[in-house]
Amino acid sequence: MDAETIAGLIGLAIGLLVLLALSIFESRTYRREHDGEGMLHHWVTHQQMHRPHWMRRRH
């Protein structure tokens, strides 16, 4: 491996760590502002409302 490849891999690793840290921070902030409801749970419940009635799960 040459120096450019190593530098690219280090930059990629740093970028992924920053993305992960921001995602965790955003998720915690969202959960705090919405009474403990997670983003994924919020998204899934709202997507079910927009599906046709024949696609909704019946209990």
C-alpha atoms as a PDB file:
ATOM      1  CA  MET A   1       0.000   0.000   0.000  1.00  0.00           C
ATOM      2  CA  ASP A   2       1.231   3.420  -0.827  1.00  0.00           C
ATOM      3  CA  ALA A   3       0.774   6.573   1.248  1.00  0.00           C
ATOM      4  CA  GLU A   4      -2.229   7.816  -0.748  1.00  0.00           C
ATOM      5  CA  THR A   5      -4.164   4.606  -0.131  1.00  0.00           C
ATOM      6  CA  ILE A   6      -3.442   4.704   3.592  1.00  0.00           C
ATOM      7  CA  ALA A   7      -4.462   8.356   3.788  1.00  0.00           C
ATOM      8  CA  GLY A   8      -7.684   7.587   1.924  1.00  0.00           C
ATOM      9  CA  LEU A   9      -8.543   4.741   4.272  1.00  0.00           C
ATOM     10  CA  ILE A  10      -7.824   6.909   7.314  1.00  0.00           C
ATOM     11  CA  GLY A  11     -10.044   9.662   5.879  1.00  0.00           C
ATOM     12  CA  LEU A  12     -12.809   7.153   5.210  1.00  0.00           C
ATOM     13  CA  ALA A  13     -12.587   5.797   8.763  1.00  0.00           C
ATOM     14  CA  ILE A  14     -12.716   9.302  10.249  1.00  0.00           C
ATOM     15  CA  GLY A  15     -15.694  10.203   8.054  1.00  0.00           C
ATOM     16  CA  LEU A  16     -17.593   7.076   9.098  1.00  0.00           C
ATOM     17  CA  LEU A  17     -16.879   7.764  12.783  1.00  0.00           C
ATOM     18  CA  VAL A  18     -18.182  11.326  12.439  1.00  0.00           C
ATOM     19  CA  LEU A  19     -21.308  10.068  10.650  1.00  0.00           C
ATOM     20  CA  LEU A  20     -21.917   7.490  13.381  1.00  0.00           C
ATOM     21  CA  ALA A  21     -21.424  10.070  16.150  1.00  0.00           C
ATOM     22  CA  LEU A  22     -23.830  12.525  14.515  1.00  0.00           C
ATOM     23  CA  SER A  23     -26.413   9.786  14.002  1.00  0.00           C
ATOM     24  CA  ILE A  24     -26.266   8.779  17.662  1.00  0.00           C
ATOM     25  CA  PHE A  25     -26.490  12.405  18.784  1.00  0.00           C
ATOM     26  CA  GLU A  26     -29.453  13.087  16.482  1.00  0.00           C
ATOM     27  CA  SER A  27     -31.238   9.926  17.611  1.00  0.00           C
ATOM     28  CA  ARG A  28     -30.843  10.809  21.293  1.00  0.00           C
ATOM     29  CA  THR A  29     -32.013  14.370  20.685  1.00  0.00           C
ATOM     30  CA  TYR A  30     -35.069  13.164  18.761  1.00  0.00           C
ATOM     31  CA  ARG A  31     -35.921  10.637  21.476  1.00  0.00           C
ATOM     32  CA  ARG A  32     -35.625  13.317  24.169  1.00  0.00           C
ATOM     33  CA  GLU A  33     -37.900  15.712  22.263  1.00  0.00           C
ATOM     34  CA  HIS A  34     -40.543  13.092  21.396  1.00  0.00           C
ATOM     35  CA  ASP A  35     -41.136  11.420  24.776  1.00  0.00           C
ATOM     36  CA  GLY A  36     -38.956   8.379  24.167  1.00  0.00           C
ATOM     37  CA  GLU A  37     -40.279   7.485  20.719  1.00  0.00           C
ATOM     38  CA  GLY A  38     -37.462   6.536  18.364  1.00  0.00           C
ATOM     39  CA  MET A  39     -37.124   7.840  14.817  1.00  0.00           C
ATOM     40  CA  LEU A  40     -37.517   4.409  13.247  1.00  0.00           C
ATOM     41  CA  HIS A  41     -40.664   3.658  15.237  1.00  0.00           C
ATOM     42  CA  HIS A  42     -42.096   7.052  14.293  1.00  0.00           C
ATOM     43  CA  TRP A  43     -41.319   6.503  10.605  1.00  0.00           C
ATOM     44  CA  VAL A  44     -42.767   2.978  10.510  1.00  0.00           C
ATOM     45  CA  THR A  45     -46.026   3.965  12.184  1.00  0.00           C
ATOM     46  CA  HIS A  46     -46.512   6.844   9.756  1.00  0.00           C
ATOM     47  CA  GLN A  47     -45.655   4.709   6.717  1.00  0.00           C
ATOM     48  CA  GLN A  48     -48.340   2.198   7.696  1.00  0.00           C
ATOM     49  CA  MET A  49     -50.916   4.972   7.563  1.00  0.00           C
ATOM     50  CA  HIS A  50     -50.074   5.686   3.918  1.00  0.00           C
ATOM     51  CA  ARG A  51     -50.348   2.088   2.702  1.00  0.00           C
ATOM     52  CA  PRO A  52     -53.560   0.837   1.097  1.00  0.00           C
ATOM     53  CA  HIS A  53     -55.906  -0.966   3.459  1.00  0.00           C
ATOM     54  CA  TRP A  54     -55.307  -4.350   1.794  1.00  0.00           C
ATOM     55  CA  MET A  55     -51.585  -4.133   2.625  1.00  0.00           C
ATOM     56  CA  ARG A  56     -52.040  -3.339   6.321  1.00  0.00           C
ATOM     57  CA  ARG A  57     -51.527  -6.140   8.788  1.00  0.00           C
ATOM     58  CA  ARG A  58     -54.681  -7.348  10.458  1.00  0.00           C
ATOM     59  CA  HIS A  59     -54.527  -8.467  14.091  1.00  0.00           C
END
